Amino acid sequence: MFGLGIGELMVILLIVVVVFGAGRIGDVGGDLGRAIRNFRKALNEPDSIDVTPKDGEAKKTEAEKK
């Protein structure tokens, strides 16, 4: 996968348990899953504000400048 073996994964898991505590690992995993889900959802949604000028508006502003 990332060149990580079982030993490296166990060390990472041990560090996570020490940092977050055994009781909060489930909460951290759930929060991470929700964050990834919301990020993917935001990527697929169209922008809420579209600032692209329409063709007629772009021509009108060019004529107003002259």
N, C-alpha and C. Protein backbone atom coordinates (compact mmCIF):
# COMPACT_ATOMS: atom_id res chain seq x y z
N MET A 1 0.84 -1.18 0.00
CA MET A 1 0.00 0.00 0.00
C MET A 1 0.88 1.24 0.00
N PHE A 2 1.40 1.65 1.12
CA PHE A 2 2.30 2.79 1.20
C PHE A 2 3.69 2.34 1.60
N GLY A 3 3.99 1.07 1.43
CA GLY A 3 5.26 0.54 1.86
C GLY A 3 5.31 0.31 3.36
N LEU A 4 4.15 0.24 3.99
CA LEU A 4 4.09 0.03 5.44
C LEU A 4 3.81 -1.44 5.72
N GLY A 5 4.59 -1.99 6.61
CA GLY A 5 4.36 -3.37 7.04
C GLY A 5 3.53 -3.41 8.30
N ILE A 6 3.36 -4.61 8.82
CA ILE A 6 2.58 -4.80 10.04
C ILE A 6 3.23 -4.08 11.22
N GLY A 7 4.54 -4.14 11.32
CA GLY A 7 5.23 -3.50 12.44
C GLY A 7 5.03 -2.00 12.46
N GLU A 8 5.14 -1.36 11.28
CA GLU A 8 4.94 0.09 11.22
C GLU A 8 3.51 0.48 11.56
N LEU A 9 2.56 -0.30 11.07
CA LEU A 9 1.16 -0.02 11.38
C LEU A 9 0.87 -0.16 12.87
N MET A 10 1.49 -1.14 13.51
CA MET A 10 1.29 -1.32 14.96
C MET A 10 1.88 -0.14 15.73
N VAL A 11 3.02 0.37 15.31
CA VAL A 11 3.62 1.54 15.97
C VAL A 11 2.73 2.75 15.81
N ILE A 12 2.18 2.95 14.62
CA ILE A 12 1.27 4.08 14.38
C ILE A 12 0.03 3.93 15.25
N LEU A 13 -0.53 2.74 15.33
CA LEU A 13 -1.71 2.50 16.16
C LEU A 13 -1.41 2.76 17.63
N LEU A 14 -0.25 2.36 18.09
CA LEU A 14 0.14 2.61 19.47
C LEU A 14 0.25 4.11 19.75
N ILE A 15 0.83 4.85 18.82
CA ILE A 15 0.94 6.30 18.99
C ILE A 15 -0.44 6.94 19.03
N VAL A 16 -1.34 6.49 18.18
CA VAL A 16 -2.70 7.03 18.16
C VAL A 16 -3.40 6.75 19.48
N VAL A 17 -3.25 5.55 20.02
CA VAL A 17 -3.88 5.21 21.29
C VAL A 17 -3.32 6.07 22.41
N VAL A 18 -2.01 6.30 22.41
CA VAL A 18 -1.40 7.12 23.45
C VAL A 18 -1.88 8.57 23.35
N VAL A 19 -1.95 9.09 22.14
CA VAL A 19 -2.33 10.50 21.96
C VAL A 19 -3.81 10.72 22.26
N PHE A 20 -4.69 9.91 21.71
CA PHE A 20 -6.12 10.15 21.84
C PHE A 20 -6.77 9.38 22.98
N GLY A 21 -6.17 8.33 23.43
CA GLY A 21 -6.79 7.51 24.45
C GLY A 21 -7.66 6.44 23.81
N ALA A 22 -7.79 5.32 24.49
CA ALA A 22 -8.52 4.18 23.92
C ALA A 22 -10.01 4.48 23.74
N GLY A 23 -10.58 5.29 24.61
CA GLY A 23 -12.01 5.57 24.54
C GLY A 23 -12.41 6.50 23.40
N ARG A 24 -11.49 7.35 22.97
CA ARG A 24 -11.84 8.34 21.96
C ARG A 24 -11.52 7.92 20.53
N ILE A 25 -10.91 6.76 20.34
CA ILE A 25 -10.53 6.33 18.99
C ILE A 25 -11.77 6.19 18.10
N GLY A 26 -12.85 5.66 18.63
CA GLY A 26 -14.09 5.55 17.85
C GLY A 26 -14.65 6.90 17.46
N ASP A 27 -14.59 7.85 18.38
CA ASP A 27 -15.07 9.20 18.08
C ASP A 27 -14.22 9.86 17.00
N VAL A 28 -12.91 9.70 17.11
CA VAL A 28 -12.01 10.30 16.13
C VAL A 28 -12.24 9.67 14.76
N GLY A 29 -12.43 8.37 14.71
CA GLY A 29 -12.71 7.69 13.44
C GLY A 29 -14.03 8.15 12.83
N GLY A 30 -15.05 8.30 13.66
CA GLY A 30 -16.34 8.78 13.15
C GLY A 30 -16.26 10.21 12.65
N ASP A 31 -15.55 11.05 13.39
CA ASP A 31 -15.38 12.45 12.96
C ASP A 31 -14.60 12.53 11.65
N LEU A 32 -13.58 11.71 11.52
CA LEU A 32 -12.79 11.69 10.29
C LEU A 32 -13.64 11.22 9.11
N GLY A 33 -14.47 10.21 9.34
CA GLY A 33 -15.36 9.72 8.28
C GLY A 33 -16.37 10.78 7.85
N ARG A 34 -16.95 11.50 8.81
CA ARG A 34 -17.89 12.57 8.48
C ARG A 34 -17.19 13.70 7.72
N ALA A 35 -15.98 14.02 8.11
CA ALA A 35 -15.24 15.08 7.43
C ALA A 35 -14.95 14.70 5.99
N ILE A 36 -14.54 13.46 5.76
CA ILE A 36 -14.27 13.01 4.39
C ILE A 36 -15.55 13.01 3.57
N ARG A 37 -16.66 12.55 4.16
CA ARG A 37 -17.94 12.53 3.45
C ARG A 37 -18.39 13.94 3.08
N ASN A 38 -18.27 14.89 4.00
CA ASN A 38 -18.66 16.27 3.70
C ASN A 38 -17.75 16.90 2.65
N PHE A 39 -16.46 16.56 2.68
CA PHE A 39 -15.53 17.08 1.68
C PHE A 39 -15.89 16.57 0.30
N ARG A 40 -16.19 15.29 0.17
CA ARG A 40 -16.58 14.73 -1.13
C ARG A 40 -17.88 15.34 -1.61
N LYS A 41 -18.82 15.54 -0.70
CA LYS A 41 -20.11 16.15 -1.06
C LYS A 41 -19.90 17.57 -1.56
N ALA A 42 -19.02 18.33 -0.90
CA ALA A 42 -18.75 19.70 -1.32
C ALA A 42 -18.07 19.74 -2.68
N LEU A 43 -17.25 18.75 -2.99
CA LEU A 43 -16.58 18.72 -4.29
C LEU A 43 -17.58 18.49 -5.42
N ASN A 44 -18.63 17.71 -5.16
CA ASN A 44 -19.60 17.37 -6.20
C ASN A 44 -20.70 18.41 -6.37
N GLU A 45 -20.90 19.29 -5.39
CA GLU A 45 -21.94 20.30 -5.49
C GLU A 45 -21.47 21.47 -6.34
N PRO A 46 -22.38 22.08 -7.09
CA PRO A 46 -21.99 23.28 -7.83
C PRO A 46 -21.76 24.45 -6.86
N ASP A 47 -21.00 25.42 -7.31
CA ASP A 47 -20.74 26.59 -6.48
C ASP A 47 -22.04 27.31 -6.19
N SER A 48 -22.19 27.80 -4.97
CA SER A 48 -23.42 28.48 -4.60
C SER A 48 -23.48 29.88 -5.18
N ILE A 49 -22.34 30.48 -5.45
CA ILE A 49 -22.28 31.81 -6.05
C ILE A 49 -21.56 31.71 -7.38
N ASP A 50 -22.25 32.03 -8.44
CA ASP A 50 -21.66 31.99 -9.77
C ASP A 50 -21.36 33.42 -10.20
N VAL A 51 -20.10 33.76 -10.29
CA VAL A 51 -19.71 35.12 -10.63
C VAL A 51 -19.32 35.25 -12.10
N THR A 52 -19.55 34.23 -12.88
CA THR A 52 -19.22 34.28 -14.30
C THR A 52 -20.21 35.19 -15.01
N PRO A 53 -19.75 36.22 -15.72
CA PRO A 53 -20.69 37.10 -16.42
C PRO A 53 -21.31 36.39 -17.62
N LYS A 54 -22.55 36.72 -17.88
CA LYS A 54 -23.22 36.17 -19.06
C LYS A 54 -22.70 36.91 -20.28
N ASP A 55 -22.94 36.36 -21.48
CA ASP A 55 -22.38 36.95 -22.69
C ASP A 55 -22.87 38.38 -22.91
N GLY A 56 -24.13 38.64 -22.71
CA GLY A 56 -24.67 39.98 -22.91
C GLY A 56 -24.11 40.98 -21.91
N GLU A 57 -23.92 40.56 -20.67
CA GLU A 57 -23.40 41.45 -19.65
C GLU A 57 -21.94 41.80 -19.92
N ALA A 58 -21.17 40.87 -20.43
CA ALA A 58 -19.76 41.12 -20.72
C ALA A 58 -19.64 42.14 -21.85
N LYS A 59 -20.49 42.04 -22.87
CA LYS A 59 -20.44 42.97 -24.00
C LYS A 59 -20.90 44.36 -23.56
N LYS A 60 -21.91 44.41 -22.67
CA LYS A 60 -22.43 45.69 -22.21
C LYS A 60 -21.36 46.43 -21.39
N THR A 61 -20.65 45.73 -20.53
CA THR A 61 -19.64 46.39 -19.73
C THR A 61 -18.47 46.85 -20.59
N GLU A 62 -18.16 46.15 -21.65
CA GLU A 62 -17.11 46.60 -22.56
C GLU A 62 -17.54 47.87 -23.28
N ALA A 63 -18.83 47.94 -23.66
CA ALA A 63 -19.33 49.13 -24.34
C ALA A 63 -19.38 50.33 -23.40
N GLU A 64 -19.68 50.09 -22.12
CA GLU A 64 -19.71 51.17 -21.15
C GLU A 64 -18.33 51.74 -20.89
N LYS A 65 -17.30 50.95 -21.03
CA LYS A 65 -15.94 51.43 -20.81
C LYS A 65 -15.50 52.39 -21.91
N LYS A 66 -16.03 52.22 -23.10
CA LYS A 66 -15.60 53.05 -24.24
C LYS A 66 -16.25 54.38 -24.24
